[in-house]
Amino acid sequence: QVQLVESGGGLVQAGGSLRLSCAASGGTFSNYPMGWFRRAPGKEREFVAAINWSGSLMSYSDSVRGRFTISRDNAKNTGYLQMSSLKPEDTAVYYCAVGFRFGATSDGNYHSWGQGTQVTVYS
């Protein structure tokens, strides 16, 4: 199965930008749709963005659409989440995942997960 490792999280001022990376190994990363999820303190993990196997199709949650961009580089076995115009409410642990169905918003549809990377946005 695919192993995933997120990186790029950190402390960012509101309005700033950050790019998260998701490095994959142990499987054929390009075969799988990918998603990004996040879990804020005291909340359930929620869908952020998804991308199909080729990178030609993307979907976003309403809360991040227009601010975040999901992408992938299959040659490097790496997915990305570019985050701009960050808000304090974006503060969360961010997880990347791969699954079988593009655009799935439920975390139960993903079979491989990274360990998460913390993003903290301050005013």
PDB file of N, CA and C in Angstrom:
ATOM      1  N   GLN A   1       0.840  -1.185   0.000  1.00  0.00           N
ATOM      2  CA  GLN A   1       0.000   0.000   0.000  1.00  0.00           C
ATOM      3  C   GLN A   1       0.878   1.238   0.000  1.00  0.00           C
ATOM      4  N   VAL A   2       0.289   2.345  -0.394  1.00  0.00           N
ATOM      5  CA  VAL A   2       1.021   3.595  -0.496  1.00  0.00           C
ATOM      6  C   VAL A   2       1.245   4.176   0.893  1.00  0.00           C
ATOM      7  N   GLN A   3       2.468   4.625   1.133  1.00  0.00           N
ATOM      8  CA  GLN A   3       2.779   5.385   2.331  1.00  0.00           C
ATOM      9  C   GLN A   3       2.919   6.860   1.966  1.00  0.00           C
ATOM     10  N   LEU A   4       2.389   7.717   2.816  1.00  0.00           N
ATOM     11  CA  LEU A   4       2.355   9.144   2.548  1.00  0.00           C
ATOM     12  C   LEU A   4       2.958   9.910   3.711  1.00  0.00           C
ATOM     13  N   VAL A   5       3.734  10.934   3.387  1.00  0.00           N
ATOM     14  CA  VAL A   5       4.349  11.787   4.393  1.00  0.00           C
ATOM     15  C   VAL A   5       4.125  13.234   4.009  1.00  0.00           C
ATOM     16  N   GLU A   6       3.427  13.969   4.866  1.00  0.00           N
ATOM     17  CA  GLU A   6       3.198  15.389   4.630  1.00  0.00           C
ATOM     18  C   GLU A   6       4.352  16.208   5.186  1.00  0.00           C
ATOM     19  N   SER A   7       4.548  17.368   4.593  1.00  0.00           N
ATOM     20  CA  SER A   7       5.522  18.319   5.089  1.00  0.00           C
ATOM     21  C   SER A   7       5.109  19.713   4.645  1.00  0.00           C
ATOM     22  N   GLY A   8       5.738  20.715   5.217  1.00  0.00           N
ATOM     23  CA  GLY A   8       5.504  22.085   4.812  1.00  0.00           C
ATOM     24  C   GLY A   8       4.629  22.894   5.735  1.00  0.00           C
ATOM     25  N   GLY A   9       4.100  22.277   6.766  1.00  0.00           N
ATOM     26  CA  GLY A   9       3.293  23.017   7.710  1.00  0.00           C
ATOM     27  C   GLY A   9       4.139  23.958   8.546  1.00  0.00           C
ATOM     28  N   GLY A  10       3.463  24.853   9.235  1.00  0.00           N
ATOM     29  CA  GLY A  10       4.169  25.796  10.073  1.00  0.00           C
ATOM     30  C   GLY A  10       3.265  26.886  10.578  1.00  0.00           C
ATOM     31  N   LEU A  11       3.888  27.925  11.116  1.00  0.00           N
ATOM     32  CA  LEU A  11       3.191  29.078  11.669  1.00  0.00           C
ATOM     33  C   LEU A  11       3.201  30.192  10.642  1.00  0.00           C
ATOM     34  N   VAL A  12       2.015  30.680  10.301  1.00  0.00           N
ATOM     35  CA  VAL A  12       1.867  31.668   9.234  1.00  0.00           C
ATOM     36  C   VAL A  12       0.933  32.780   9.695  1.00  0.00           C
ATOM     37  N   GLN A  13       1.267  34.003   9.351  1.00  0.00           N
ATOM     38  CA  GLN A  13       0.394  35.130   9.644  1.00  0.00           C
ATOM     39  C   GLN A  13      -0.813  35.112   8.719  1.00  0.00           C
ATOM     40  N   ALA A  14      -1.945  35.557   9.221  1.00  0.00           N
ATOM     41  CA  ALA A  14      -3.141  35.652   8.403  1.00  0.00           C
ATOM     42  C   ALA A  14      -2.862  36.459   7.140  1.00  0.00           C
ATOM     43  N   GLY A  15      -3.369  35.956   6.023  1.00  0.00           N
ATOM     44  CA  GLY A  15      -3.117  36.568   4.735  1.00  0.00           C
ATOM     45  C   GLY A  15      -1.935  35.994   4.005  1.00  0.00           C
ATOM     46  N   GLY A  16      -1.145  35.205   4.687  1.00  0.00           N
ATOM     47  CA  GLY A  16       0.037  34.623   4.092  1.00  0.00           C
ATOM     48  C   GLY A  16      -0.257  33.361   3.311  1.00  0.00           C
ATOM     49  N   SER A  17       0.815  32.753   2.831  1.00  0.00           N
ATOM     50  CA  SER A  17       0.717  31.566   1.999  1.00  0.00           C
ATOM     51  C   SER A  17       1.626  30.470   2.516  1.00  0.00           C
ATOM     52  N   LEU A  18       1.274  29.257   2.159  1.00  0.00           N
ATOM     53  CA  LEU A  18       2.052  28.103   2.559  1.00  0.00           C
ATOM     54  C   LEU A  18       1.776  26.989   1.568  1.00  0.00           C
ATOM     55  N   ARG A  19       2.788  26.212   1.248  1.00  0.00           N
ATOM     56  CA  ARG A  19       2.598  25.063   0.376  1.00  0.00           C
ATOM     57  C   ARG A  19       2.931  23.787   1.115  1.00  0.00           C
ATOM     58  N   LEU A  20       1.973  22.891   1.158  1.00  0.00           N
ATOM     59  CA  LEU A  20       2.160  21.590   1.757  1.00  0.00           C
ATOM     60  C   LEU A  20       2.532  20.578   0.687  1.00  0.00           C
ATOM     61  N   SER A  21       3.376  19.642   1.060  1.00  0.00           N
ATOM     62  CA  SER A  21       3.775  18.571   0.164  1.00  0.00           C
ATOM     63  C   SER A  21       3.382  17.231   0.751  1.00  0.00           C
ATOM     64  N   CYS A  22       3.138  16.284  -0.122  1.00  0.00           N
ATOM     65  CA  CYS A  22       2.766  14.934   0.272  1.00  0.00           C
ATOM     66  C   CYS A  22       3.586  13.968  -0.557  1.00  0.00           C
ATOM     67  N   ALA A  23       4.599  13.393   0.051  1.00  0.00           N
ATOM     68  CA  ALA A  23       5.488  12.465  -0.635  1.00  0.00           C
ATOM     69  C   ALA A  23       4.968  11.044  -0.481  1.00  0.00           C
ATOM     70  N   ALA A  24       4.878  10.334  -1.585  1.00  0.00           N
ATOM     71  CA  ALA A  24       4.334   8.986  -1.603  1.00  0.00           C
ATOM     72  C   ALA A  24       5.424   7.973  -1.913  1.00  0.00           C
ATOM     73  N   SER A  25       5.270   6.809  -1.322  1.00  0.00           N
ATOM     74  CA  SER A  25       6.172   5.695  -1.595  1.00  0.00           C
ATOM     75  C   SER A  25       5.442   4.388  -1.344  1.00  0.00           C
ATOM     76  N   GLY A  26       6.026   3.302  -1.812  1.00  0.00           N
ATOM     77  CA  GLY A  26       5.481   1.990  -1.524  1.00  0.00           C
ATOM     78  C   GLY A  26       4.313   1.549  -2.390  1.00  0.00           C
ATOM     79  N   GLY A  27       3.983   2.308  -3.396  1.00  0.00           N
ATOM     80  CA  GLY A  27       2.894   1.980  -4.290  1.00  0.00           C
ATOM     81  C   GLY A  27       2.957   2.820  -5.547  1.00  0.00           C
ATOM     82  N   THR A  28       1.964   2.665  -6.377  1.00  0.00           N
ATOM     83  CA  THR A  28       1.890   3.443  -7.606  1.00  0.00           C
ATOM     84  C   THR A  28       1.009   4.656  -7.350  1.00  0.00           C
ATOM     85  N   PHE A  29       1.652   5.741  -6.950  1.00  0.00           N
ATOM     86  CA  PHE A  29       0.939   6.948  -6.571  1.00  0.00           C
ATOM     87  C   PHE A  29       0.035   7.452  -7.682  1.00  0.00           C
ATOM     88  N   SER A  30       0.507   7.388  -8.904  1.00  0.00           N
ATOM     89  CA  SER A  30      -0.243   7.938 -10.020  1.00  0.00           C
ATOM     90  C   SER A  30      -1.535   7.191 -10.301  1.00  0.00           C
ATOM     91  N   ASN A  31      -1.705   6.004  -9.754  1.00  0.00           N
ATOM     92  CA  ASN A  31      -2.930   5.243  -9.972  1.00  0.00           C
ATOM     93  C   ASN A  31      -4.110   5.745  -9.154  1.00  0.00           C
ATOM     94  N   TYR A  32      -3.852   6.588  -8.162  1.00  0.00           N
ATOM     95  CA  TYR A  32      -4.866   6.914  -7.182  1.00  0.00           C
ATOM     96  C   TYR A  32      -5.265   8.376  -7.208  1.00  0.00           C
ATOM     97  N   PRO A  33      -6.559   8.625  -7.081  1.00  0.00           N
ATOM     98  CA  PRO A  33      -6.977   9.983  -6.740  1.00  0.00           C
ATOM     99  C   PRO A  33      -6.428  10.361  -5.372  1.00  0.00           C
ATOM    100  N   MET A  34      -6.234  11.641  -5.151  1.00  0.00           N
ATOM    101  CA  MET A  34      -5.654  12.119  -3.913  1.00  0.00           C
ATOM    102  C   MET A  34      -6.555  13.172  -3.296  1.00  0.00           C
ATOM    103  N   GLY A  35      -6.544  13.217  -1.998  1.00  0.00           N
ATOM    104  CA  GLY A  35      -7.296  14.236  -1.298  1.00  0.00           C
ATOM    105  C   GLY A  35      -6.487  14.843  -0.165  1.00  0.00           C
ATOM    106  N   TRP A  36      -6.873  16.052   0.203  1.00  0.00           N
ATOM    107  CA  TRP A  36      -6.362  16.708   1.395  1.00  0.00           C
ATOM    108  C   TRP A  36      -7.514  16.918   2.360  1.00  0.00           C
ATOM    109  N   PHE A  37      -7.264  16.607   3.607  1.00  0.00           N
ATOM    110  CA  PHE A  37      -8.216  16.807   4.681  1.00  0.00           C
ATOM    111  C   PHE A  37      -7.550  17.598   5.787  1.00  0.00           C
ATOM    112  N   ARG A  38      -8.350  18.118   6.688  1.00  0.00           N
ATOM    113  CA  ARG A  38      -7.797  18.810   7.841  1.00  0.00           C
ATOM    114  C   ARG A  38      -8.673  18.561   9.052  1.00  0.00           C
ATOM    115  N   ARG A  39      -8.048  18.663  10.209  1.00  0.00           N
ATOM    116  CA  ARG A  39      -8.762  18.513  11.461  1.00  0.00           C
ATOM    117  C   ARG A  39      -8.384  19.654  12.387  1.00  0.00           C
ATOM    118  N   ALA A  40      -9.347  20.497  12.646  1.00  0.00           N
ATOM    119  CA  ALA A  40      -9.163  21.606  13.564  1.00  0.00           C
ATOM    120  C   ALA A  40      -9.413  21.125  14.986  1.00  0.00           C
ATOM    121  N   PRO A  41      -8.889  21.844  15.974  1.00  0.00           N
ATOM    122  CA  PRO A  41      -9.097  21.432  17.361  1.00  0.00           C
ATOM    123  C   PRO A  41     -10.572  21.287  17.695  1.00  0.00           C
ATOM    124  N   GLY A  42     -10.926  20.162  18.273  1.00  0.00           N
ATOM    125  CA  GLY A  42     -12.287  19.924  18.690  1.00  0.00           C
ATOM    126  C   GLY A  42     -13.257  19.574  17.584  1.00  0.00           C
ATOM    127  N   LYS A  43     -12.769  19.381  16.378  1.00  0.00           N
ATOM    128  CA  LYS A  43     -13.637  19.086  15.252  1.00  0.00           C
ATOM    129  C   LYS A  43     -13.240  17.785  14.570  1.00  0.00           C
ATOM    130  N   GLU A  44     -14.168  17.262  13.792  1.00  0.00           N
ATOM    131  CA  GLU A  44     -13.885  16.083  12.988  1.00  0.00           C
ATOM    132  C   GLU A  44     -13.013  16.460  11.798  1.00  0.00           C
ATOM    133  N   ARG A  45     -12.325  15.484  11.284  1.00  0.00           N
ATOM    134  CA  ARG A  45     -11.534  15.704  10.084  1.00  0.00           C
ATOM    135  C   ARG A  45     -12.470  16.033   8.919  1.00  0.00           C
ATOM    136  N   GLU A  46     -12.138  17.062   8.169  1.00  0.00           N
ATOM    137  CA  GLU A  46     -12.996  17.515   7.094  1.00  0.00           C
ATOM    138  C   GLU A  46     -12.256  17.569   5.765  1.00  0.00           C
ATOM    139  N   PHE A  47     -13.014  17.407   4.726  1.00  0.00           N
ATOM    140  CA  PHE A  47     -12.487  17.452   3.371  1.00  0.00           C
ATOM    141  C   PHE A  47     -12.027  18.850   3.009  1.00  0.00           C
ATOM    142  N   VAL A  48     -10.904  18.930   2.307  1.00  0.00           N
ATOM    143  CA  VAL A  48     -10.373  20.200   1.839  1.00  0.00           C
ATOM    144  C   VAL A  48     -10.348  20.266   0.316  1.00  0.00           C
ATOM    145  N   ALA A  49      -9.713  19.286  -0.313  1.00  0.00           N
ATOM    146  CA  ALA A  49      -9.549  19.319  -1.759  1.00  0.00           C
ATOM    147  C   ALA A  49      -9.254  17.920  -2.262  1.00  0.00           C
ATOM    148  N   ALA A  50      -9.515  17.697  -3.546  1.00  0.00           N
ATOM    149  CA  ALA A  50      -9.243  16.414  -4.170  1.00  0.00           C
ATOM    150  C   ALA A  50      -8.756  16.621  -5.585  1.00  0.00           C
ATOM    151  N   ILE A  51      -8.030  15.642  -6.085  1.00  0.00           N
ATOM    152  CA  ILE A  51      -7.497  15.691  -7.437  1.00  0.00           C
ATOM    153  C   ILE A  51      -7.500  14.281  -8.004  1.00  0.00           C
ATOM    154  N   ASN A  52      -7.791  14.170  -9.292  1.00  0.00           N
ATOM    155  CA  ASN A  52      -7.831  12.852  -9.898  1.00  0.00           C
ATOM    156  C   ASN A  52      -6.424  12.345 -10.201  1.00  0.00           C
ATOM    157  N   TRP A  53      -6.361  11.157 -10.759  1.00  0.00           N
ATOM    158  CA  TRP A  53      -5.059  10.501 -10.919  1.00  0.00           C
ATOM    159  C   TRP A  53      -4.112  11.270 -11.832  1.00  0.00           C
ATOM    160  N   SER A  54      -4.648  11.925 -12.844  1.00  0.00           N
ATOM    161  CA  SER A  54      -3.805  12.616 -13.813  1.00  0.00           C
ATOM    162  C   SER A  54      -3.547  14.072 -13.451  1.00  0.00           C
ATOM    163  N   GLY A  55      -4.302  14.600 -12.502  1.00  0.00           N
ATOM    164  CA  GLY A  55      -4.177  16.001 -12.155  1.00  0.00           C
ATOM    165  C   GLY A  55      -5.004  16.931 -13.011  1.00  0.00           C
ATOM    166  N   SER A  56      -5.877  16.388 -13.830  1.00  0.00           N
ATOM    167  CA  SER A  56      -6.685  17.208 -14.718  1.00  0.00           C
ATOM    168  C   SER A  56      -7.982  17.690 -14.091  1.00  0.00           C
ATOM    169  N   LEU A  57      -8.398  17.077 -12.998  1.00  0.00           N
ATOM    170  CA  LEU A  57      -9.639  17.437 -12.338  1.00  0.00           C
ATOM    171  C   LEU A  57      -9.373  17.713 -10.874  1.00  0.00           C
ATOM    172  N   MET A  58      -9.968  18.790 -10.370  1.00  0.00           N
ATOM    173  CA  MET A  58      -9.813  19.166  -8.979  1.00  0.00           C
ATOM    174  C   MET A  58     -11.160  19.541  -8.389  1.00  0.00           C
ATOM    175  N   SER A  59     -11.299  19.331  -7.116  1.00  0.00           N
ATOM    176  CA  SER A  59     -12.473  19.785  -6.405  1.00  0.00           C
ATOM    177  C   SER A  59     -12.047  20.350  -5.060  1.00  0.00           C
ATOM    178  N   TYR A  60     -12.878  21.247  -4.514  1.00  0.00           N
ATOM    179  CA  TYR A  60     -12.539  21.937  -3.287  1.00  0.00           C
ATOM    180  C   TYR A  60     -13.764  22.085  -2.404  1.00  0.00           C
ATOM    181  N   SER A  61     -13.510  22.158  -1.128  1.00  0.00           N
ATOM    182  CA  SER A  61     -14.581  22.528  -0.224  1.00  0.00           C
ATOM    183  C   SER A  61     -14.898  24.007  -0.399  1.00  0.00           C
ATOM    184  N   ASP A  62     -16.112  24.385  -0.041  1.00  0.00           N
ATOM    185  CA  ASP A  62     -16.514  25.777  -0.195  1.00  0.00           C
ATOM    186  C   ASP A  62     -15.631  26.723   0.613  1.00  0.00           C
ATOM    187  N   SER A  63     -15.138  26.253   1.730  1.00  0.00           N
ATOM    188  CA  SER A  63     -14.385  27.119   2.615  1.00  0.00           C
ATOM    189  C   SER A  63     -13.000  27.485   2.082  1.00  0.00           C
ATOM    190  N   VAL A  64     -12.477  26.699   1.138  1.00  0.00           N
ATOM    191  CA  VAL A  64     -11.128  26.967   0.638  1.00  0.00           C
ATOM    192  C   VAL A  64     -11.088  27.304  -0.842  1.00  0.00           C
ATOM    193  N   ARG A  65     -12.184  27.115  -1.535  1.00  0.00           N
ATOM    194  CA  ARG A  65     -12.211  27.366  -2.968  1.00  0.00           C
ATOM    195  C   ARG A  65     -11.814  28.808  -3.271  1.00  0.00           C
ATOM    196  N   GLY A  66     -10.906  28.971  -4.213  1.00  0.00           N
ATOM    197  CA  GLY A  66     -10.401  30.281  -4.561  1.00  0.00           C
ATOM    198  C   GLY A  66      -9.167  30.687  -3.796  1.00  0.00           C
ATOM    199  N   ARG A  67      -8.873  30.000  -2.718  1.00  0.00           N
ATOM    200  CA  ARG A  67      -7.693  30.302  -1.906  1.00  0.00           C
ATOM    201  C   ARG A  67      -6.653  29.191  -1.949  1.00  0.00           C
ATOM    202  N   PHE A  68      -7.114  27.959  -2.047  1.00  0.00           N
ATOM    203  CA  PHE A  68      -6.221  26.808  -2.063  1.00  0.00           C
ATOM    204  C   PHE A  68      -6.176  26.206  -3.461  1.00  0.00           C
ATOM    205  N   THR A  69      -5.050  25.622  -3.801  1.00  0.00           N
ATOM    206  CA  THR A  69      -4.890  24.931  -5.071  1.00  0.00           C
ATOM    207  C   THR A  69      -4.235  23.582  -4.831  1.00  0.00           C
ATOM    208  N   ILE A  70      -4.897  22.535  -5.267  1.00  0.00           N
ATOM    209  CA  ILE A  70      -4.339  21.198  -5.166  1.00  0.00           C
ATOM    210  C   ILE A  70      -3.658  20.844  -6.483  1.00  0.00           C
ATOM    211  N   SER A  71      -2.552  20.136  -6.398  1.00  0.00           N
ATOM    212  CA  SER A  71      -1.841  19.715  -7.588  1.00  0.00           C
ATOM    213  C   SER A  71      -1.060  18.448  -7.274  1.00  0.00           C
ATOM    214  N   ARG A  72      -0.508  17.852  -8.310  1.00  0.00           N
ATOM    215  CA  ARG A  72       0.315  16.671  -8.101  1.00  0.00           C
ATOM    216  C   ARG A  72       1.348  16.574  -9.207  1.00  0.00           C
ATOM    217  N   ASP A  73       2.464  15.964  -8.868  1.00  0.00           N
ATOM    218  CA  ASP A  73       3.526  15.688  -9.819  1.00  0.00           C
ATOM    219  C   ASP A  73       3.793  14.195  -9.727  1.00  0.00           C
ATOM    220  N   ASN A  74       3.160  13.442 -10.607  1.00  0.00           N
ATOM    221  CA  ASN A  74       3.266  11.991 -10.527  1.00  0.00           C
ATOM    222  C   ASN A  74       4.685  11.498 -10.789  1.00  0.00           C
ATOM    223  N   ALA A  75       5.437  12.223 -11.591  1.00  0.00           N
ATOM    224  CA  ALA A  75       6.822  11.835 -11.843  1.00  0.00           C
ATOM    225  C   ALA A  75       7.656  11.889 -10.575  1.00  0.00           C
ATOM    226  N   LYS A  76       7.268  12.745  -9.640  1.00  0.00           N
ATOM    227  CA  LYS A  76       7.965  12.863  -8.364  1.00  0.00           C
ATOM    228  C   LYS A  76       7.233  12.177  -7.221  1.00  0.00           C
ATOM    229  N   ASN A  77       6.135  11.514  -7.533  1.00  0.00           N
ATOM    230  CA  ASN A  77       5.329  10.840  -6.510  1.00  0.00           C
ATOM    231  C   ASN A  77       4.964  11.788  -5.374  1.00  0.00           C
ATOM    232  N   THR A  78       4.563  12.978  -5.742  1.00  0.00           N
ATOM    233  CA  THR A  78       4.303  14.009  -4.752  1.00  0.00           C
ATOM    234  C   THR A  78       3.037  14.781  -5.078  1.00  0.00           C
ATOM    235  N   GLY A  79       2.240  15.027  -4.068  1.00  0.00           N
ATOM    236  CA  GLY A  79       1.091  15.895  -4.175  1.00  0.00           C
ATOM    237  C   GLY A  79       1.336  17.178  -3.408  1.00  0.00           C
ATOM    238  N   TYR A  80       0.561  18.205  -3.734  1.00  0.00           N
ATOM    239  CA  TYR A  80       0.763  19.518  -3.131  1.00  0.00           C
ATOM    240  C   TYR A  80      -0.571  20.158  -2.793  1.00  0.00           C
ATOM    241  N   LEU A  81      -0.524  21.014  -1.810  1.00  0.00           N
ATOM    242  CA  LEU A  81      -1.635  21.891  -1.504  1.00  0.00           C
ATOM    243  C   LEU A  81      -1.072  23.289  -1.290  1.00  0.00           C
ATOM    244  N   GLN A  82      -1.304  24.157  -2.248  1.00  0.00           N
ATOM    245  CA  GLN A  82      -0.888  25.545  -2.142  1.00  0.00           C
ATOM    246  C   GLN A  82      -1.997  26.326  -1.453  1.00  0.00           C
ATOM    247  N   MET A  83      -1.665  26.944  -0.347  1.00  0.00           N
ATOM    248  CA  MET A  83      -2.637  27.668   0.447  1.00  0.00           C
ATOM    249  C   MET A  83      -2.282  29.144   0.446  1.00  0.00           C
ATOM    250  N   SER A  84      -3.240  29.968   0.076  1.00  0.00           N
ATOM    251  CA  SER A  84      -3.049  31.408   0.029  1.00  0.00           C
ATOM    252  C   SER A  84      -4.172  32.088   0.797  1.00  0.00           C
ATOM    253  N   SER A  85      -3.962  33.359   1.090  1.00  0.00           N
ATOM    254  CA  SER A  85      -4.949  34.144   1.838  1.00  0.00           C
ATOM    255  C   SER A  85      -5.412  33.397   3.079  1.00  0.00           C
ATOM    256  N   LEU A  86      -4.459  32.893   3.806  1.00  0.00           N
ATOM    257  CA  LEU A  86      -4.778  32.048   4.951  1.00  0.00           C
ATOM    258  C   LEU A  86      -5.494  32.825   6.042  1.00  0.00           C
ATOM    259  N   LYS A  87      -6.401  32.138   6.695  1.00  0.00           N
ATOM    260  CA  LYS A  87      -7.204  32.693   7.769  1.00  0.00           C
ATOM    261  C   LYS A  87      -6.966  31.903   9.046  1.00  0.00           C
ATOM    262  N   PRO A  88      -7.187  32.521  10.193  1.00  0.00           N
ATOM    263  CA  PRO A  88      -7.026  31.774  11.439  1.00  0.00           C
ATOM    264  C   PRO A  88      -7.870  30.505  11.479  1.00  0.00           C
ATOM    265  N   GLU A  89      -9.032  30.511  10.853  1.00  0.00           N
ATOM    266  CA  GLU A  89      -9.870  29.328  10.841  1.00  0.00           C
ATOM    267  C   GLU A  89      -9.320  28.195   9.986  1.00  0.00           C
ATOM    268  N   ASP A  90      -8.259  28.459   9.238  1.00  0.00           N
ATOM    269  CA  ASP A  90      -7.575  27.401   8.514  1.00  0.00           C
ATOM    270  C   ASP A  90      -6.637  26.604   9.410  1.00  0.00           C
ATOM    271  N   THR A  91      -6.445  27.057  10.623  1.00  0.00           N
ATOM    272  CA  THR A  91      -5.575  26.357  11.552  1.00  0.00           C
ATOM    273  C   THR A  91      -6.078  24.938  11.781  1.00  0.00           C
ATOM    274  N   ALA A  92      -5.221  23.975  11.525  1.00  0.00           N
ATOM    275  CA  ALA A  92      -5.606  22.575  11.631  1.00  0.00           C
ATOM    276  C   ALA A  92      -4.394  21.706  11.352  1.00  0.00           C
ATOM    277  N   VAL A  93      -4.542  20.437  11.636  1.00  0.00           N
ATOM    278  CA  VAL A  93      -3.604  19.445  11.136  1.00  0.00           C
ATOM    279  C   VAL A  93      -4.088  19.019   9.763  1.00  0.00           C
ATOM    280  N   TYR A  94      -3.217  19.091   8.787  1.00  0.00           N
ATOM    281  CA  TYR A  94      -3.571  18.767   7.415  1.00  0.00           C
ATOM    282  C   TYR A  94      -3.025  17.398   7.047  1.00  0.00           C
ATOM    283  N   TYR A  95      -3.873  16.602   6.417  1.00  0.00           N
ATOM    284  CA  TYR A  95      -3.537  15.245   6.027  1.00  0.00           C
ATOM    285  C   TYR A  95      -3.728  15.066   4.527  1.00  0.00           C
ATOM    286  N   CYS A  96      -2.821  14.354   3.909  1.00  0.00           N
ATOM    287  CA  CYS A  96      -3.064  13.917   2.547  1.00  0.00           C
ATOM    288  C   CYS A  96      -3.456  12.447   2.568  1.00  0.00           C
ATOM    289  N   ALA A  97      -4.169  12.040   1.545  1.00  0.00           N
ATOM    290  CA  ALA A  97      -4.661  10.681   1.465  1.00  0.00           C
ATOM    291  C   ALA A  97      -4.865  10.293   0.010  1.00  0.00           C
ATOM    292  N   VAL A  98      -4.822   9.005  -0.250  1.00  0.00           N
ATOM    293  CA  VAL A  98      -5.154   8.480  -1.567  1.00  0.00           C
ATOM    294  C   VAL A  98      -6.254   7.454  -1.419  1.00  0.00           C
ATOM    295  N   GLY A  99      -7.084   7.352  -2.439  1.00  0.00           N
ATOM    296  CA  GLY A  99      -8.197   6.429  -2.413  1.00  0.00           C
ATOM    297  C   GLY A  99      -8.532   5.930  -3.793  1.00  0.00           C
ATOM    298  N   PHE A 100      -9.754   5.453  -3.934  1.00  0.00           N
ATOM    299  CA  PHE A 100     -10.178   4.836  -5.183  1.00  0.00           C
ATOM    300  C   PHE A 100     -11.095   5.698  -6.023  1.00  0.00           C
ATOM    301  N   ARG A 101     -11.686   6.711  -5.435  1.00  0.00           N
ATOM    302  CA  ARG A 101     -12.690   7.500  -6.133  1.00  0.00           C
ATOM    303  C   ARG A 101     -12.360   8.973  -6.071  1.00  0.00           C
ATOM    304  N   PHE A 102     -12.236   9.586  -7.222  1.00  0.00           N
ATOM    305  CA  PHE A 102     -11.957  11.009  -7.278  1.00  0.00           C
ATOM    306  C   PHE A 102     -13.091  11.811  -6.660  1.00  0.00           C
ATOM    307  N   GLY A 103     -12.714  12.812  -5.906  1.00  0.00           N
ATOM    308  CA  GLY A 103     -13.675  13.752  -5.377  1.00  0.00           C
ATOM    309  C   GLY A 103     -14.383  13.314  -4.119  1.00  0.00           C
ATOM    310  N   ALA A 104     -14.047  12.143  -3.607  1.00  0.00           N
ATOM    311  CA  ALA A 104     -14.683  11.669  -2.386  1.00  0.00           C
ATOM    312  C   ALA A 104     -14.395  12.625  -1.241  1.00  0.00           C
ATOM    313  N   THR A 105     -15.435  13.019  -0.539  1.00  0.00           N
ATOM    314  CA  THR A 105     -15.295  13.959   0.563  1.00  0.00           C
ATOM    315  C   THR A 105     -15.312  13.288   1.926  1.00  0.00           C
ATOM    316  N   SER A 106     -15.636  12.028   1.971  1.00  0.00           N
ATOM    317  CA  SER A 106     -15.620  11.269   3.211  1.00  0.00           C
ATOM    318  C   SER A 106     -14.268  10.604   3.387  1.00  0.00           C
ATOM    319  N   ASP A 107     -13.707  10.732   4.583  1.00  0.00           N
ATOM    320  CA  ASP A 107     -12.399  10.141   4.810  1.00  0.00           C
ATOM    321  C   ASP A 107     -12.421   8.617   4.747  1.00  0.00           C
ATOM    322  N   GLY A 108     -13.615   8.028   4.856  1.00  0.00           N
ATOM    323  CA  GLY A 108     -13.725   6.589   4.747  1.00  0.00           C
ATOM    324  C   GLY A 108     -13.460   6.050   3.355  1.00  0.00           C
ATOM    325  N   ASN A 109     -13.435   6.908   2.364  1.00  0.00           N
ATOM    326  CA  ASN A 109     -13.175   6.488   0.995  1.00  0.00           C
ATOM    327  C   ASN A 109     -11.698   6.498   0.632  1.00  0.00           C
ATOM    328  N   TYR A 110     -10.859   6.812   1.580  1.00  0.00           N
ATOM    329  CA  TYR A 110      -9.421   6.846   1.351  1.00  0.00           C
ATOM    330  C   TYR A 110      -8.751   5.741   2.154  1.00  0.00           C
ATOM    331  N   HIS A 111      -7.827   5.054   1.531  1.00  0.00           N
ATOM    332  CA  HIS A 111      -7.231   3.881   2.159  1.00  0.00           C
ATOM    333  C   HIS A 111      -5.833   4.098   2.703  1.00  0.00           C
ATOM    334  N   SER A 112      -5.176   5.178   2.319  1.00  0.00           N
ATOM    335  CA  SER A 112      -3.829   5.457   2.798  1.00  0.00           C
ATOM    336  C   SER A 112      -3.746   6.908   3.226  1.00  0.00           C
ATOM    337  N   TRP A 113      -3.161   7.132   4.385  1.00  0.00           N
ATOM    338  CA  TRP A 113      -3.087   8.469   4.977  1.00  0.00           C
ATOM    339  C   TRP A 113      -1.688   8.799   5.445  1.00  0.00           C
ATOM    340  N   GLY A 114      -1.356  10.072   5.365  1.00  0.00           N
ATOM    341  CA  GLY A 114      -0.135  10.547   5.977  1.00  0.00           C
ATOM    342  C   GLY A 114      -0.333  10.804   7.454  1.00  0.00           C
ATOM    343  N   GLN A 115       0.737  11.222   8.093  1.00  0.00           N
ATOM    344  CA  GLN A 115       0.704  11.445   9.539  1.00  0.00           C
ATOM    345  C   GLN A 115       0.160  12.811   9.916  1.00  0.00           C
ATOM    346  N   GLY A 116       0.063  13.702   8.959  1.00  0.00           N
ATOM    347  CA  GLY A 116      -0.428  15.037   9.192  1.00  0.00           C
ATOM    348  C   GLY A 116       0.679  16.039   9.425  1.00  0.00           C
ATOM    349  N   THR A 117       0.403  17.283   9.071  1.00  0.00           N
ATOM    350  CA  THR A 117       1.324  18.380   9.330  1.00  0.00           C
ATOM    351  C   THR A 117       0.525  19.570   9.856  1.00  0.00           C
ATOM    352  N   GLN A 118       1.049  20.199  10.887  1.00  0.00           N
ATOM    353  CA  GLN A 118       0.326  21.265  11.566  1.00  0.00           C
ATOM    354  C   GLN A 118       0.464  22.579  10.807  1.00  0.00           C
ATOM    355  N   VAL A 119      -0.663  23.231  10.588  1.00  0.00           N
ATOM    356  CA  VAL A 119      -0.699  24.577  10.040  1.00  0.00           C
ATOM    357  C   VAL A 119      -1.380  25.470  11.060  1.00  0.00           C
ATOM    358  N   THR A 120      -0.692  26.513  11.471  1.00  0.00           N
ATOM    359  CA  THR A 120      -1.238  27.458  12.433  1.00  0.00           C
ATOM    360  C   THR A 120      -1.211  28.848  11.824  1.00  0.00           C
ATOM    361  N   VAL A 121      -2.357  29.488  11.778  1.00  0.00           N
ATOM    362  CA  VAL A 121      -2.494  30.816  11.199  1.00  0.00           C
ATOM    363  C   VAL A 121      -2.891  31.782  12.310  1.00  0.00           C
ATOM    364  N   TYR A 122      -2.107  32.840  12.484  1.00  0.00           N
ATOM    365  CA  TYR A 122      -2.372  33.796  13.547  1.00  0.00           C
ATOM    366  C   TYR A 122      -2.721  35.162  12.972  1.00  0.00           C
ATOM    367  N   SER A 123      -3.467  35.915  13.733  1.00  0.00           N
ATOM    368  CA  SER A 123      -3.880  37.248  13.327  1.00  0.00           C
ATOM    369  C   SER A 123      -2.800  38.264  13.628  1.00  0.00           C
TER     370      SER A 123
END
